Amino acid sequence: MLIPEIEHAVIRRQVQRDNVSRHSKRRRAELKFDNLGFVFLFETNLVNL
């Protein structure tokens, strides 16, 4: 049901999340913030559809 582009973006985010343990704590915090921002945009897009 998801748009292929969004599915691909979600998969990329999951891969980034899996790689988080390889980064420093600072980098991990940046990734968390990025993921939260993406979730917010994704939910907004669903509402707008």
Protein backbone atom coordinates (compact mmCIF):
# COMPACT_ATOMS: atom_id res chain seq x y z
CA MET A 1 0.00 0.00 0.00
CA LEU A 2 2.94 2.30 0.58
CA ILE A 3 4.35 4.37 -2.23
CA PRO A 4 7.52 2.60 -3.50
CA GLU A 5 9.63 5.72 -2.94
CA ILE A 6 8.50 5.90 0.69
CA GLU A 7 9.09 2.16 1.18
CA HIS A 8 12.63 2.59 -0.13
CA ALA A 9 13.22 5.53 2.20
CA VAL A 10 11.93 3.49 5.16
CA ILE A 11 14.25 0.59 4.27
CA ARG A 12 17.19 2.99 4.05
CA ARG A 13 16.33 4.38 7.49
CA GLN A 14 16.21 0.85 8.93
CA VAL A 15 19.65 0.13 7.50
CA GLN A 16 20.97 3.36 9.01
CA ARG A 17 19.46 2.38 12.35
CA ASP A 18 21.21 -1.01 12.15
CA ASN A 19 24.52 0.78 11.53
CA VAL A 20 24.06 3.19 14.44
CA SER A 21 26.08 1.01 16.82
CA ARG A 22 29.17 1.64 14.67
CA HIS A 23 28.97 5.40 15.21
CA SER A 24 29.89 7.59 18.14
CA LYS A 25 27.27 8.69 20.64
CA ARG A 26 27.12 12.09 18.97
CA ARG A 27 26.47 10.55 15.56
CA ARG A 28 23.85 8.25 17.13
CA ALA A 29 22.00 11.27 18.53
CA GLU A 30 22.00 12.89 15.07
CA LEU A 31 20.56 9.74 13.53
CA LYS A 32 17.83 9.54 16.18
CA PHE A 33 16.86 13.16 15.54
CA ASP A 34 16.84 12.51 11.77
CA ASN A 35 14.65 9.43 12.23
CA LEU A 36 12.20 11.32 14.41
CA GLY A 37 12.01 14.12 11.86
CA PHE A 38 11.40 11.58 9.09
CA VAL A 39 8.63 9.90 11.09
CA PHE A 40 6.96 13.27 11.60
CA LEU A 41 7.12 14.06 7.86
CA PHE A 42 5.87 10.58 6.98
CA GLU A 43 2.85 10.88 9.29
CA THR A 44 2.12 14.35 7.90
CA ASN A 45 2.19 12.94 4.36
CA LEU A 46 -0.29 10.22 5.32
CA VAL A 47 -2.64 12.84 6.75
CA ASN A 48 -2.35 14.92 3.58
CA LEU A 49 -3.11 11.95 1.31
